[in-house]
């Protein structure tokens, strides 16, 4: 398991997470009930075979996973069944059902169909860095990340996590890097970017597999376009696309990082997952330190 994206939040370093191990069992994912649409709770980061250990941690890092089960009831299927019911009423009783009756019939249909509906499982992983107060959620969706923070808040009773607050405008910094301003130590340009006209409804240019320091790119910048996404490489260990929302997309761990896994002597799936956890937390922790300095990301109070 390797994270493929990072939506990050800050929380106060003084936040007490010492009771997580005791609180997690009561908040574990339960199978979705016959008449429920969804269920959500914590699952083991080590996979489905593990049912007892619902977290993993070392050296100031915690690894948690949120699981979900959702019933799949396509709206078109429900609408077709509802239409059949309404047509039957009109034919047998010679009348059209009113709004309240239609709603009642639809509710009855959902009640009938839910027990046999297919169930879709999902999982979202996150790392918590307790030393610096940073949460890393493996998602590109701010909304999904907020749901995860809410899950932890529900577990602990209080968890004042907030989205990243940059004192410097990310779009301005990214545009400057593409224009040739020095990048922070360890960072280099990749081969992808997105440029947008700052005027609402203006032109948008997507560049992929392209040398970013080029006359073509310079012309777009001279025309006033700004960078909203920029591919970067960090110390030959990570490649990613950073957005002006400070979400890390298309995260990949490169040979410079993966070679460190070859030096581990432990065998077994659990040992391999632990080694990947140690590797990832070290790399994303270093990356966050670079981004925090570059964009002056504030600590949580």
C-alpha atoms as a PDB file:
ATOM      1  CA  UNK A   1       0.000   0.000   0.000  1.00  0.00           C
ATOM      2  CA  UNK A   2       1.401   3.330  -1.101  1.00  0.00           C
ATOM      3  CA  UNK A   3      -0.424   6.637  -0.808  1.00  0.00           C
ATOM      4  CA  UNK A   4      -1.338   8.083  -4.203  1.00  0.00           C
ATOM      5  CA  UNK A   5      -2.382  11.532  -3.010  1.00  0.00           C
ATOM      6  CA  UNK A   6      -2.185  13.830  -0.010  1.00  0.00           C
ATOM      7  CA  UNK A   7      -4.860  16.159   1.316  1.00  0.00           C
ATOM      8  CA  UNK A   8      -3.302  17.696   4.406  1.00  0.00           C
ATOM      9  CA  UNK A   9      -4.633  19.258   7.587  1.00  0.00           C
ATOM     10  CA  UNK A  10      -3.011  20.866  10.632  1.00  0.00           C
ATOM     11  CA  UNK A  11      -3.991  20.119  14.203  1.00  0.00           C
ATOM     12  CA  UNK A  12      -2.520  21.385  17.480  1.00  0.00           C
ATOM     13  CA  UNK A  13       0.615  19.547  18.547  1.00  0.00           C
ATOM     14  CA  UNK A  14      -0.807  19.407  22.069  1.00  0.00           C
ATOM     15  CA  UNK A  15      -3.756  17.250  20.895  1.00  0.00           C
ATOM     16  CA  UNK A  16      -3.950  14.160  23.123  1.00  0.00           C
ATOM     17  CA  UNK A  17      -4.076  10.997  20.995  1.00  0.00           C
ATOM     18  CA  UNK A  18      -3.034   8.611  23.761  1.00  0.00           C
ATOM     19  CA  UNK A  19      -6.488   7.029  24.100  1.00  0.00           C
ATOM     20  CA  UNK A  20      -6.910   6.105  20.444  1.00  0.00           C
ATOM     21  CA  UNK A  21      -6.043   2.429  21.013  1.00  0.00           C
ATOM     22  CA  UNK A  22      -8.735   2.107  23.692  1.00  0.00           C
ATOM     23  CA  UNK A  23     -11.379   4.041  21.735  1.00  0.00           C
ATOM     24  CA  UNK A  24     -11.001   2.414  18.313  1.00  0.00           C
ATOM     25  CA  UNK A  25     -12.755  -0.945  18.971  1.00  0.00           C
ATOM     26  CA  UNK A  26     -16.050   0.808  19.751  1.00  0.00           C
ATOM     27  CA  UNK A  27     -15.758   2.786  16.507  1.00  0.00           C
ATOM     28  CA  UNK A  28     -14.842  -0.153  14.256  1.00  0.00           C
ATOM     29  CA  UNK A  29     -16.685  -0.606  10.973  1.00  0.00           C
ATOM     30  CA  UNK A  30     -19.827  -2.693  11.332  1.00  0.00           C
ATOM     31  CA  UNK A  31     -21.436  -4.489   8.369  1.00  0.00           C
ATOM     32  CA  UNK A  32     -24.166  -2.379   6.814  1.00  0.00           C
ATOM     33  CA  UNK A  33     -27.570  -3.535   8.074  1.00  0.00           C
ATOM     34  CA  UNK A  34     -30.370  -4.894   5.856  1.00  0.00           C
ATOM     35  CA  UNK A  35     -32.307  -1.619   6.009  1.00  0.00           C
ATOM     36  CA  UNK A  36     -29.319   0.743   6.132  1.00  0.00           C
ATOM     37  CA  UNK A  37     -27.900   2.615   3.165  1.00  0.00           C
ATOM     38  CA  UNK A  38     -24.348   2.859   4.510  1.00  0.00           C
ATOM     39  CA  UNK A  39     -21.998   2.126   7.371  1.00  0.00           C
ATOM     40  CA  UNK A  40     -18.703   3.764   8.288  1.00  0.00           C
ATOM     41  CA  UNK A  41     -16.005   3.030  10.831  1.00  0.00           C
ATOM     42  CA  UNK A  42     -12.357   2.237  11.447  1.00  0.00           C
ATOM     43  CA  UNK A  43     -10.709  -0.825   9.920  1.00  0.00           C
ATOM     44  CA  UNK A  44      -7.269  -2.332  10.313  1.00  0.00           C
ATOM     45  CA  UNK A  45      -4.609  -0.662   8.194  1.00  0.00           C
ATOM     46  CA  UNK A  46      -3.127  -4.141   7.698  1.00  0.00           C
ATOM     47  CA  UNK A  47      -6.086  -5.378   5.650  1.00  0.00           C
ATOM     48  CA  UNK A  48      -9.265  -7.410   5.936  1.00  0.00           C
ATOM     49  CA  UNK A  49      -7.598 -10.434   7.486  1.00  0.00           C
ATOM     50  CA  UNK A  50      -6.632  -8.363  10.523  1.00  0.00           C
ATOM     51  CA  UNK A  51      -9.615  -7.552  12.734  1.00  0.00           C
ATOM     52  CA  UNK A  52      -8.054  -6.602  16.058  1.00  0.00           C
ATOM     53  CA  UNK A  53      -5.263  -4.078  15.424  1.00  0.00           C
ATOM     54  CA  UNK A  54      -7.050  -0.962  14.211  1.00  0.00           C
ATOM     55  CA  UNK A  55      -3.997   1.315  14.145  1.00  0.00           C
ATOM     56  CA  UNK A  56      -0.264   1.182  13.660  1.00  0.00           C
ATOM     57  CA  UNK A  57       2.279   3.646  14.930  1.00  0.00           C
ATOM     58  CA  UNK A  58       5.908   4.418  15.612  1.00  0.00           C
ATOM     59  CA  UNK A  59       8.223   7.391  16.065  1.00  0.00           C
ATOM     60  CA  UNK A  60       5.472   9.997  16.392  1.00  0.00           C
ATOM     61  CA  UNK A  61       3.365   8.694  13.483  1.00  0.00           C
ATOM     62  CA  UNK A  62      -0.013   6.923  13.506  1.00  0.00           C
ATOM     63  CA  UNK A  63      -1.563   5.024  10.602  1.00  0.00           C
ATOM     64  CA  UNK A  64      -5.364   4.748  10.584  1.00  0.00           C
ATOM     65  CA  UNK A  65      -7.866   3.572   7.998  1.00  0.00           C
ATOM     66  CA  UNK A  66     -11.550   4.460   7.608  1.00  0.00           C
ATOM     67  CA  UNK A  67     -13.743   1.816   6.008  1.00  0.00           C
ATOM     68  CA  UNK A  68     -17.146   2.244   4.435  1.00  0.00           C
ATOM     69  CA  UNK A  69     -19.941   0.046   3.095  1.00  0.00           C
ATOM     70  CA  UNK A  70     -22.564   1.587   0.833  1.00  0.00           C
ATOM     71  CA  UNK A  71     -25.655   0.003  -0.668  1.00  0.00           C
ATOM     72  CA  UNK A  72     -25.910   0.412  -4.436  1.00  0.00           C
ATOM     73  CA  UNK A  73     -29.450   1.279  -5.519  1.00  0.00           C
ATOM     74  CA  UNK A  74     -29.355   3.010  -8.918  1.00  0.00           C
ATOM     75  CA  UNK A  75     -31.837   5.866  -9.078  1.00  0.00           C
ATOM     76  CA  UNK A  76     -32.983   4.669 -12.518  1.00  0.00           C
ATOM     77  CA  UNK A  77     -33.935   1.246 -11.109  1.00  0.00           C
ATOM     78  CA  UNK A  78     -35.922   2.809  -8.271  1.00  0.00           C
ATOM     79  CA  UNK A  79     -37.608   5.182 -10.725  1.00  0.00           C
ATOM     80  CA  UNK A  80     -38.615   2.300 -13.012  1.00  0.00           C
ATOM     81  CA  UNK A  81     -40.128   0.323 -10.135  1.00  0.00           C
ATOM     82  CA  UNK A  82     -41.942   3.430  -8.901  1.00  0.00           C
ATOM     83  CA  UNK A  83     -43.364   4.083 -12.366  1.00  0.00           C
ATOM     84  CA  UNK A  84     -44.638   0.494 -12.544  1.00  0.00           C
ATOM     85  CA  UNK A  85     -46.441   0.948  -9.216  1.00  0.00           C
ATOM     86  CA  UNK A  86     -47.997   4.258 -10.297  1.00  0.00           C
ATOM     87  CA  UNK A  87     -49.199   2.843 -13.611  1.00  0.00           C
ATOM     88  CA  UNK A  88     -50.777  -0.113 -11.785  1.00  0.00           C
ATOM     89  CA  UNK A  89     -52.662   2.238  -9.465  1.00  0.00           C
ATOM     90  CA  UNK A  90     -53.910   4.316 -12.387  1.00  0.00           C
ATOM     91  CA  UNK A  91     -55.137   1.235 -14.255  1.00  0.00           C
ATOM     92  CA  UNK A  92     -56.815  -0.508 -11.340  1.00  0.00           C
ATOM     93  CA  UNK A  93     -58.227   2.510  -9.509  1.00  0.00           C
ATOM     94  CA  UNK A  94     -58.627   5.016 -12.339  1.00  0.00           C
ATOM     95  CA  UNK A  95     -56.695   7.780 -10.606  1.00  0.00           C
ATOM     96  CA  UNK A  96     -53.226   9.283 -10.408  1.00  0.00           C
ATOM     97  CA  UNK A  97     -51.316   9.111  -7.135  1.00  0.00           C
ATOM     98  CA  UNK A  98     -50.656  12.439  -5.423  1.00  0.00           C
ATOM     99  CA  UNK A  99     -47.328  13.739  -4.178  1.00  0.00           C
ATOM    100  CA  UNK A 100     -47.565  12.347  -0.645  1.00  0.00           C
ATOM    101  CA  UNK A 101     -48.686   8.948  -1.901  1.00  0.00           C
ATOM    102  CA  UNK A 102     -45.851   8.857  -4.432  1.00  0.00           C
ATOM    103  CA  UNK A 103     -43.368   9.557  -1.638  1.00  0.00           C
ATOM    104  CA  UNK A 104     -44.858   6.815   0.549  1.00  0.00           C
ATOM    105  CA  UNK A 105     -44.745   4.310  -2.312  1.00  0.00           C
ATOM    106  CA  UNK A 106     -41.126   5.218  -3.037  1.00  0.00           C
ATOM    107  CA  UNK A 107     -40.180   4.795   0.633  1.00  0.00           C
ATOM    108  CA  UNK A 108     -41.872   1.381   0.665  1.00  0.00           C
ATOM    109  CA  UNK A 109     -39.948   0.384  -2.462  1.00  0.00           C
ATOM    110  CA  UNK A 110     -36.629   1.371  -0.884  1.00  0.00           C
ATOM    111  CA  UNK A 111     -37.571  -0.659   2.192  1.00  0.00           C
ATOM    112  CA  UNK A 112     -38.233  -3.675  -0.033  1.00  0.00           C
ATOM    113  CA  UNK A 113     -35.149  -3.298  -2.204  1.00  0.00           C
ATOM    114  CA  UNK A 114     -32.489  -2.427   0.384  1.00  0.00           C
ATOM    115  CA  UNK A 115     -31.937  -5.938   1.831  1.00  0.00           C
ATOM    116  CA  UNK A 116     -31.067  -7.304  -1.621  1.00  0.00           C
ATOM    117  CA  UNK A 117     -28.969  -4.382  -2.821  1.00  0.00           C
ATOM    118  CA  UNK A 118     -25.296  -4.877  -3.645  1.00  0.00           C
ATOM    119  CA  UNK A 119     -22.742  -3.489  -1.192  1.00  0.00           C
ATOM    120  CA  UNK A 120     -19.716  -1.449  -2.276  1.00  0.00           C
ATOM    121  CA  UNK A 121     -16.772  -1.310   0.129  1.00  0.00           C
ATOM    122  CA  UNK A 122     -14.334   1.600   0.366  1.00  0.00           C
ATOM    123  CA  UNK A 123     -11.316   2.568   2.420  1.00  0.00           C
ATOM    124  CA  UNK A 124      -9.396   5.777   3.077  1.00  0.00           C
ATOM    125  CA  UNK A 125      -5.993   5.723   4.789  1.00  0.00           C
ATOM    126  CA  UNK A 126      -4.344   8.517   6.720  1.00  0.00           C
ATOM    127  CA  UNK A 127      -1.156   9.254   8.593  1.00  0.00           C
ATOM    128  CA  UNK A 128      -1.077  11.469  11.676  1.00  0.00           C
ATOM    129  CA  UNK A 129       2.202  13.150  12.552  1.00  0.00           C
ATOM    130  CA  UNK A 130       1.834  13.876  16.249  1.00  0.00           C
ATOM    131  CA  UNK A 131       5.191  15.680  16.534  1.00  0.00           C
ATOM    132  CA  UNK A 132       4.296  18.447  14.067  1.00  0.00           C
ATOM    133  CA  UNK A 133       0.482  18.251  14.083  1.00  0.00           C
ATOM    134  CA  UNK A 134      -0.123  17.221  10.474  1.00  0.00           C
ATOM    135  CA  UNK A 135      -2.721  14.826   9.050  1.00  0.00           C
ATOM    136  CA  UNK A 136      -2.074  13.280   5.619  1.00  0.00           C
ATOM    137  CA  UNK A 137      -5.179  11.766   3.997  1.00  0.00           C
ATOM    138  CA  UNK A 138      -4.879   9.590   0.904  1.00  0.00           C
ATOM    139  CA  UNK A 139      -7.460  11.461  -1.172  1.00  0.00           C
ATOM    140  CA  UNK A 140      -7.616  14.324  -3.648  1.00  0.00           C
ATOM    141  CA  UNK A 141     -11.058  15.358  -2.399  1.00  0.00           C
ATOM    142  CA  UNK A 142     -11.188  18.054   0.254  1.00  0.00           C
ATOM    143  CA  UNK A 143     -14.694  16.865   1.133  1.00  0.00           C
ATOM    144  CA  UNK A 144     -13.498  13.285   1.704  1.00  0.00           C
ATOM    145  CA  UNK A 145     -10.639  14.602   3.808  1.00  0.00           C
ATOM    146  CA  UNK A 146     -13.064  16.612   5.923  1.00  0.00           C
ATOM    147  CA  UNK A 147     -15.163  13.468   6.440  1.00  0.00           C
ATOM    148  CA  UNK A 148     -12.067  11.680   7.737  1.00  0.00           C
ATOM    149  CA  UNK A 149     -11.292  14.538  10.130  1.00  0.00           C
ATOM    150  CA  UNK A 150     -14.910  14.325  11.303  1.00  0.00           C
ATOM    151  CA  UNK A 151     -14.491  10.591  11.944  1.00  0.00           C
ATOM    152  CA  UNK A 152     -11.484  11.252  14.158  1.00  0.00           C
ATOM    153  CA  UNK A 153     -13.357  14.068  15.851  1.00  0.00           C
ATOM    154  CA  UNK A 154     -16.189  11.655  16.601  1.00  0.00           C
ATOM    155  CA  UNK A 155     -13.699   9.122  17.971  1.00  0.00           C
ATOM    156  CA  UNK A 156     -11.857  11.536  20.279  1.00  0.00           C
ATOM    157  CA  UNK A 157     -14.706  13.899  21.103  1.00  0.00           C
ATOM    158  CA  UNK A 158     -12.594  16.815  19.890  1.00  0.00           C
ATOM    159  CA  UNK A 159     -10.095  17.141  17.053  1.00  0.00           C
ATOM    160  CA  UNK A 160      -9.568  20.743  15.885  1.00  0.00           C
ATOM    161  CA  UNK A 161      -8.032  19.931  12.498  1.00  0.00           C
ATOM    162  CA  UNK A 162      -8.081  22.624   9.831  1.00  0.00           C
ATOM    163  CA  UNK A 163      -7.108  22.775   6.141  1.00  0.00           C
ATOM    164  CA  UNK A 164      -3.665  24.152   5.392  1.00  0.00           C
ATOM    165  CA  UNK A 165      -3.335  27.920   5.724  1.00  0.00           C
ATOM    166  CA  UNK A 166      -0.610  29.369   3.489  1.00  0.00           C
ATOM    167  CA  UNK A 167       0.590  32.904   4.170  1.00  0.00           C
ATOM    168  CA  UNK A 168       1.911  33.114   0.588  1.00  0.00           C
ATOM    169  CA  UNK A 169      -0.482  32.665  -2.348  1.00  0.00           C
ATOM    170  CA  UNK A 170       0.197  29.149  -3.729  1.00  0.00           C
ATOM    171  CA  UNK A 171      -0.738  30.135  -7.280  1.00  0.00           C
ATOM    172  CA  UNK A 172       1.789  32.959  -7.217  1.00  0.00           C
ATOM    173  CA  UNK A 173       4.559  30.692  -5.889  1.00  0.00           C
ATOM    174  CA  UNK A 174       3.849  27.945  -8.453  1.00  0.00           C
ATOM    175  CA  UNK A 175       3.789  30.488 -11.278  1.00  0.00           C
ATOM    176  CA  UNK A 176       7.112  31.898 -10.130  1.00  0.00           C
ATOM    177  CA  UNK A 177       8.711  28.443 -10.080  1.00  0.00           C
ATOM    178  CA  UNK A 178       7.548  27.748 -13.618  1.00  0.00           C
ATOM    179  CA  UNK A 179       8.806  31.157 -14.730  1.00  0.00           C
ATOM    180  CA  UNK A 180      12.323  30.307 -13.569  1.00  0.00           C
ATOM    181  CA  UNK A 181      12.484  31.450  -9.958  1.00  0.00           C
ATOM    182  CA  UNK A 182      14.667  29.201  -7.766  1.00  0.00           C
ATOM    183  CA  UNK A 183      12.880  26.176  -6.318  1.00  0.00           C
ATOM    184  CA  UNK A 184      13.468  25.038  -2.736  1.00  0.00           C
ATOM    185  CA  UNK A 185      16.402  22.672  -2.258  1.00  0.00           C
ATOM    186  CA  UNK A 186      15.487  19.171  -3.375  1.00  0.00           C
ATOM    187  CA  UNK A 187      12.607  20.184  -5.655  1.00  0.00           C
ATOM    188  CA  UNK A 188      12.760  20.069  -9.443  1.00  0.00           C
ATOM    189  CA  UNK A 189      10.203  20.632 -12.198  1.00  0.00           C
ATOM    190  CA  UNK A 190       8.419  17.643 -13.687  1.00  0.00           C
ATOM    191  CA  UNK A 191       6.721  17.434 -17.080  1.00  0.00           C
ATOM    192  CA  UNK A 192       3.159  18.541 -16.394  1.00  0.00           C
ATOM    193  CA  UNK A 193       1.372  21.772 -15.577  1.00  0.00           C
ATOM    194  CA  UNK A 194      -1.970  23.512 -15.862  1.00  0.00           C
ATOM    195  CA  UNK A 195      -2.158  27.216 -16.663  1.00  0.00           C
ATOM    196  CA  UNK A 196      -5.286  29.327 -16.385  1.00  0.00           C
ATOM    197  CA  UNK A 197      -6.235  32.852 -17.313  1.00  0.00           C
ATOM    198  CA  UNK A 198      -7.091  34.609 -14.029  1.00  0.00           C
ATOM    199  CA  UNK A 199     -10.204  36.082 -15.669  1.00  0.00           C
ATOM    200  CA  UNK A 200     -13.298  33.982 -14.996  1.00  0.00           C
ATOM    201  CA  UNK A 201     -14.058  31.848 -18.028  1.00  0.00           C
ATOM    202  CA  UNK A 202     -10.640  32.520 -19.519  1.00  0.00           C
ATOM    203  CA  UNK A 203      -8.376  30.142 -21.391  1.00  0.00           C
ATOM    204  CA  UNK A 204      -7.025  26.963 -19.767  1.00  0.00           C
ATOM    205  CA  UNK A 205      -3.901  25.170 -20.987  1.00  0.00           C
ATOM    206  CA  UNK A 206      -2.950  21.638 -19.912  1.00  0.00           C
ATOM    207  CA  UNK A 207       0.603  20.490 -20.631  1.00  0.00           C
ATOM    208  CA  UNK A 208       1.782  16.901 -20.177  1.00  0.00           C
ATOM    209  CA  UNK A 209       5.017  15.092 -21.053  1.00  0.00           C
ATOM    210  CA  UNK A 210       6.582  18.421 -21.915  1.00  0.00           C
ATOM    211  CA  UNK A 211       9.711  20.329 -21.039  1.00  0.00           C
ATOM    212  CA  UNK A 212       8.301  23.054 -18.817  1.00  0.00           C
ATOM    213  CA  UNK A 213      11.125  25.555 -19.252  1.00  0.00           C
ATOM    214  CA  UNK A 214      10.414  26.395 -22.882  1.00  0.00           C
ATOM    215  CA  UNK A 215       9.501  29.315 -25.118  1.00  0.00           C
ATOM    216  CA  UNK A 216       5.982  27.945 -25.501  1.00  0.00           C
ATOM    217  CA  UNK A 217       5.385  27.967 -21.756  1.00  0.00           C
ATOM    218  CA  UNK A 218       6.994  31.406 -21.420  1.00  0.00           C
ATOM    219  CA  UNK A 219       4.531  32.835 -23.951  1.00  0.00           C
ATOM    220  CA  UNK A 220       1.595  31.605 -21.866  1.00  0.00           C
ATOM    221  CA  UNK A 221       3.113  33.185 -18.776  1.00  0.00           C
ATOM    222  CA  UNK A 222       3.766  36.451 -20.602  1.00  0.00           C
ATOM    223  CA  UNK A 223       0.093  36.450 -21.644  1.00  0.00           C
ATOM    224  CA  UNK A 224      -0.815  36.519 -17.947  1.00  0.00           C
ATOM    225  CA  UNK A 225      -1.748  32.899 -17.353  1.00  0.00           C
ATOM    226  CA  UNK A 226      -1.126  31.529 -13.878  1.00  0.00           C
ATOM    227  CA  UNK A 227      -0.139  28.044 -12.735  1.00  0.00           C
ATOM    228  CA  UNK A 228      -2.831  26.092 -10.917  1.00  0.00           C
ATOM    229  CA  UNK A 229      -1.114  22.677 -11.058  1.00  0.00           C
ATOM    230  CA  UNK A 230       2.576  21.886 -11.350  1.00  0.00           C
ATOM    231  CA  UNK A 231       4.441  18.577 -11.569  1.00  0.00           C
ATOM    232  CA  UNK A 232       7.433  18.377  -9.232  1.00  0.00           C
ATOM    233  CA  UNK A 233      10.085  15.855  -8.224  1.00  0.00           C
ATOM    234  CA  UNK A 234      11.541  15.743  -4.727  1.00  0.00           C
ATOM    235  CA  UNK A 235      15.094  14.406  -4.340  1.00  0.00           C
ATOM    236  CA  UNK A 236      14.522  11.576  -6.850  1.00  0.00           C
ATOM    237  CA  UNK A 237      12.310  10.002  -4.175  1.00  0.00           C
ATOM    238  CA  UNK A 238       8.845  11.419  -4.939  1.00  0.00           C
ATOM    239  CA  UNK A 239       7.067  12.718  -8.003  1.00  0.00           C
ATOM    240  CA  UNK A 240       3.726  14.476  -7.738  1.00  0.00           C
ATOM    241  CA  UNK A 241       1.483  17.225  -9.055  1.00  0.00           C
ATOM    242  CA  UNK A 242       0.922  20.083  -6.619  1.00  0.00           C
ATOM    243  CA  UNK A 243      -2.211  22.196  -6.992  1.00  0.00           C
ATOM    244  CA  UNK A 244      -2.833  25.756  -5.888  1.00  0.00           C
ATOM    245  CA  UNK A 245      -5.138  24.170  -3.285  1.00  0.00           C
ATOM    246  CA  UNK A 246      -1.972  22.523  -1.864  1.00  0.00           C
ATOM    247  CA  UNK A 247      -3.372  19.060  -2.579  1.00  0.00           C
ATOM    248  CA  UNK A 248      -0.739  16.571  -3.759  1.00  0.00           C
ATOM    249  CA  UNK A 249      -1.999  14.486  -6.700  1.00  0.00           C
ATOM    250  CA  UNK A 250      -0.432  11.659  -8.723  1.00  0.00           C
ATOM    251  CA  UNK A 251       1.970  10.868  -5.889  1.00  0.00           C
ATOM    252  CA  UNK A 252       4.583   8.255  -6.802  1.00  0.00           C
ATOM    253  CA  UNK A 253       7.440   6.860  -4.752  1.00  0.00           C
ATOM    254  CA  UNK A 254      10.476   6.659  -7.020  1.00  0.00           C
ATOM    255  CA  UNK A 255      13.520   4.401  -6.987  1.00  0.00           C
ATOM    256  CA  UNK A 256      15.369   6.851  -4.782  1.00  0.00           C
ATOM    257  CA  UNK A 257      12.867   5.959  -2.054  1.00  0.00           C
ATOM    258  CA  UNK A 258      11.957   2.380  -3.003  1.00  0.00           C
ATOM    259  CA  UNK A 259      15.577   1.260  -2.994  1.00  0.00           C
ATOM    260  CA  UNK A 260      15.481   1.648   0.773  1.00  0.00           C
ATOM    261  CA  UNK A 261      12.921  -1.166   0.970  1.00  0.00           C
ATOM    262  CA  UNK A 262      15.409  -3.570  -0.578  1.00  0.00           C
ATOM    263  CA  UNK A 263      17.623  -3.152   2.476  1.00  0.00           C
ATOM    264  CA  UNK A 264      15.056  -4.613   4.897  1.00  0.00           C
ATOM    265  CA  UNK A 265      15.645  -8.155   6.142  1.00  0.00           C
ATOM    266  CA  UNK A 266      12.200  -8.907   7.598  1.00  0.00           C
ATOM    267  CA  UNK A 267       9.878 -11.328   5.805  1.00  0.00           C
ATOM    268  CA  UNK A 268       6.099 -11.547   5.709  1.00  0.00           C
ATOM    269  CA  UNK A 269       3.267  -9.257   4.705  1.00  0.00           C
ATOM    270  CA  UNK A 270       3.057  -7.518   8.081  1.00  0.00           C
ATOM    271  CA  UNK A 271       6.778  -6.715   8.028  1.00  0.00           C
ATOM    272  CA  UNK A 272       6.524  -5.433   4.449  1.00  0.00           C
ATOM    273  CA  UNK A 273       3.601  -3.145   5.312  1.00  0.00           C
ATOM    274  CA  UNK A 274       5.482  -1.845   8.339  1.00  0.00           C
ATOM    275  CA  UNK A 275       8.511  -1.115   6.162  1.00  0.00           C
ATOM    276  CA  UNK A 276       6.336   0.748   3.647  1.00  0.00           C
ATOM    277  CA  UNK A 277       4.746   2.712   6.480  1.00  0.00           C
ATOM    278  CA  UNK A 278       8.159   3.731   7.798  1.00  0.00           C
ATOM    279  CA  UNK A 279       9.340   4.698   4.312  1.00  0.00           C
ATOM    280  CA  UNK A 280       6.249   6.718   3.428  1.00  0.00           C
ATOM    281  CA  UNK A 281       6.036   8.635   6.669  1.00  0.00           C
ATOM    282  CA  UNK A 282       9.697   9.607   6.400  1.00  0.00           C
ATOM    283  CA  UNK A 283       9.307  10.828   2.811  1.00  0.00           C
ATOM    284  CA  UNK A 284       6.004  12.705   3.185  1.00  0.00           C
ATOM    285  CA  UNK A 285       7.264  14.235   6.415  1.00  0.00           C
ATOM    286  CA  UNK A 286      10.309  15.638   4.625  1.00  0.00           C
ATOM    287  CA  UNK A 287       8.158  16.830   1.733  1.00  0.00           C
ATOM    288  CA  UNK A 288       5.769  18.632   4.069  1.00  0.00           C
ATOM    289  CA  UNK A 289       8.667  20.430   5.734  1.00  0.00           C
ATOM    290  CA  UNK A 290       9.754  21.764   2.321  1.00  0.00           C
ATOM    291  CA  UNK A 291       6.219  22.838   1.354  1.00  0.00           C
ATOM    292  CA  UNK A 292       5.579  24.398   4.763  1.00  0.00           C
ATOM    293  CA  UNK A 293       8.657  26.578   4.379  1.00  0.00           C
ATOM    294  CA  UNK A 294       7.982  27.468   0.740  1.00  0.00           C
ATOM    295  CA  UNK A 295       4.370  28.528   1.281  1.00  0.00           C
ATOM    296  CA  UNK A 296       4.710  29.569   4.952  1.00  0.00           C
ATOM    297  CA  UNK A 297       2.058  27.127   6.103  1.00  0.00           C
ATOM    298  CA  UNK A 298       0.830  28.121   9.536  1.00  0.00           C
ATOM    299  CA  UNK A 299       0.795  25.774  12.511  1.00  0.00           C
ATOM    300  CA  UNK A 300      -2.528  25.091  14.218  1.00  0.00           C
ATOM    301  CA  UNK A 301      -3.166  26.914  17.472  1.00  0.00           C
END
